[in-house]
C-alpha cells in the first residue's frame, strides 16, 4: 500500500443550508453538486439533513484535494458520490473525470471519514495505490 494523496474538506452547515434553501438558486445548487442518491439519503435524515449535505460537500472537496485537482475538468461535483449502505461506513464512488484522474494516478482505493457538529462538517480522504 502507498498513499498517493490526502485531502481535508470543511463546510459550514449554515452556508450549505442557505445555499440549498435559496428560493432562486437552491434547486440548481442541489442538482449541480449532489447526486440523486445523495439527495435521497440526506433528505431522509430529517432534521439532520443539512449536516449530511455539508458532510458530503466537504467529502467532495477532500476527494478533489486527494486527487491533486480542484473543481473543473479533472473532477466535477457529480463525479464524486458519497454512498452509505445501512449499517455500513460511508464510501466514495467516482465517475467521469474524477474516475479517469484516479485511474491515471493509480488509485486503487479511497478511504473517507466524515464527522459533523450542528455548525461544521469535516471530511478526510486518503487515496491509496
Protein backbone atom coordinates (compact mmCIF):
# COMPACT_ATOMS: atom_id res chain seq x y z
CA UNK A 1 0.00 0.00 0.00
CA UNK A 2 1.16 3.51 -0.83
CA UNK A 3 -0.60 6.75 -0.02
CA UNK A 4 -0.89 8.83 -3.19
CA UNK A 5 -2.72 11.77 -1.70
CA UNK A 6 -4.76 13.08 1.18
CA UNK A 7 -7.39 15.76 1.39
CA UNK A 8 -9.42 17.50 4.04
CA UNK A 9 -12.63 19.42 3.48
CA UNK A 10 -14.51 21.64 5.90
CA UNK A 11 -18.02 23.00 5.31
CA UNK A 12 -20.16 25.33 7.38
CA UNK A 13 -23.61 23.79 7.82
CA UNK A 14 -25.34 27.20 7.80
CA UNK A 15 -23.78 28.14 4.44
CA UNK A 16 -24.76 24.84 2.83
CA UNK A 17 -28.26 25.17 4.28
CA UNK A 18 -28.58 28.74 2.96
CA UNK A 19 -27.47 27.60 -0.49
CA UNK A 20 -29.98 24.73 -0.51
CA UNK A 21 -32.87 26.85 0.77
CA UNK A 22 -32.28 29.81 -1.53
CA UNK A 23 -35.58 30.17 -3.41
CA UNK A 24 -33.87 31.37 -6.58
CA UNK A 25 -30.83 29.10 -6.81
CA UNK A 26 -31.30 26.31 -4.26
CA UNK A 27 -32.66 23.69 -6.65
CA UNK A 28 -29.87 24.39 -9.14
CA UNK A 29 -27.21 24.14 -6.41
CA UNK A 30 -28.66 20.82 -5.19
CA UNK A 31 -28.72 19.38 -8.73
CA UNK A 32 -25.22 20.64 -9.65
CA UNK A 33 -23.46 19.42 -6.50
CA UNK A 34 -25.30 16.35 -5.17
CA UNK A 35 -26.23 13.12 -6.93
CA UNK A 36 -29.77 11.79 -6.76
CA UNK A 37 -28.63 9.14 -4.29
CA UNK A 38 -27.00 11.73 -2.04
CA UNK A 39 -30.12 13.89 -2.14
CA UNK A 40 -32.32 10.95 -1.17
CA UNK A 41 -30.01 9.93 1.68
CA UNK A 42 -29.73 13.45 3.08
CA UNK A 43 -33.42 14.29 2.75
CA UNK A 44 -34.31 11.09 4.63
CA UNK A 45 -32.16 12.31 7.56
CA UNK A 46 -34.91 14.75 8.58
CA UNK A 47 -33.61 17.36 10.99
CA UNK A 48 -30.01 16.29 10.35
CA UNK A 49 -30.23 16.64 6.59
CA UNK A 50 -28.23 19.86 6.36
CA UNK A 51 -25.36 18.35 8.36
CA UNK A 52 -25.40 15.37 5.98
CA UNK A 53 -25.36 17.65 2.92
CA UNK A 54 -22.48 19.65 4.42
CA UNK A 55 -20.51 16.46 5.16
CA UNK A 56 -20.93 15.33 1.55
CA UNK A 57 -19.87 18.73 0.25
CA UNK A 58 -16.75 18.53 2.43
CA UNK A 59 -16.07 14.98 1.19
CA UNK A 60 -16.20 16.09 -2.43
CA UNK A 61 -13.69 18.88 -1.72
CA UNK A 62 -11.44 16.49 0.21
CA UNK A 63 -11.56 13.97 -2.64
CA UNK A 64 -10.53 16.60 -5.16
CA UNK A 65 -7.59 17.51 -2.94
CA UNK A 66 -6.59 13.87 -2.51
CA UNK A 67 -6.61 13.54 -6.32
CA UNK A 68 -4.50 16.69 -6.62
CA UNK A 69 -7.10 18.66 -8.54
CA UNK A 70 -9.67 21.34 -7.94
CA UNK A 71 -13.19 21.52 -9.26
CA UNK A 72 -13.15 21.69 -13.05
CA UNK A 73 -12.23 19.49 -15.95
CA UNK A 74 -10.42 16.91 -13.77
CA UNK A 75 -13.25 16.47 -11.26
CA UNK A 76 -16.85 17.62 -11.21
CA UNK A 77 -19.14 17.70 -8.20
CA UNK A 78 -21.32 14.91 -9.59
CA UNK A 79 -18.27 12.78 -10.44
CA UNK A 80 -17.79 12.17 -6.71
CA UNK A 81 -20.54 10.44 -4.75
CA UNK A 82 -20.71 9.53 -1.07
CA UNK A 83 -22.72 6.34 -0.62
CA UNK A 84 -23.65 4.67 2.61
CA UNK A 85 -25.44 1.38 2.93
CA UNK A 86 -27.44 0.87 6.14
CA UNK A 87 -25.14 -0.15 8.96
CA UNK A 88 -22.01 0.46 6.88
CA UNK A 89 -19.45 3.23 6.79
CA UNK A 90 -19.56 5.84 4.02
CA UNK A 91 -17.72 5.09 0.80
CA UNK A 92 -16.73 7.14 -2.24
CA UNK A 93 -17.77 6.25 -5.76
CA UNK A 94 -16.05 8.05 -8.62
CA UNK A 95 -17.35 8.55 -12.14
CA UNK A 96 -16.41 10.60 -15.19
CA UNK A 97 -13.37 12.82 -14.99
CA UNK A 98 -12.69 12.07 -11.31
CA UNK A 99 -12.58 8.33 -12.06
CA UNK A 100 -10.26 8.99 -15.00
CA UNK A 101 -7.96 11.10 -12.81
CA UNK A 102 -7.88 8.39 -10.13
CA UNK A 103 -7.01 5.78 -12.76
CA UNK A 104 -4.21 7.96 -14.14
CA UNK A 105 -2.76 8.29 -10.64
CA UNK A 106 -3.10 4.56 -9.98
CA UNK A 107 -5.61 4.97 -7.14
CA UNK A 108 -6.96 1.57 -6.13
CA UNK A 109 -8.86 2.59 -3.02
CA UNK A 110 -10.26 5.70 -1.38
CA UNK A 111 -10.80 5.98 2.36
CA UNK A 112 -13.22 8.59 3.68
CA UNK A 113 -14.04 9.74 7.20
CA UNK A 114 -16.92 12.15 7.86
CA UNK A 115 -17.88 13.99 11.01
CA UNK A 116 -20.04 16.96 11.84
CA UNK A 117 -21.46 19.13 14.55
CA UNK A 118 -24.51 21.35 14.24
CA UNK A 119 -22.19 24.06 12.85
CA UNK A 120 -19.49 22.39 10.76
CA UNK A 121 -18.79 19.23 8.77
CA UNK A 122 -15.37 17.74 8.17
CA UNK A 123 -14.21 15.09 5.74
CA UNK A 124 -10.82 13.42 5.36
CA UNK A 125 -9.94 11.36 2.28
CA UNK A 126 -6.90 9.17 1.63
CA UNK A 127 -6.11 7.96 -1.88
CA UNK A 128 -4.26 4.66 -1.86
CA UNK A 129 -2.42 2.64 -4.51
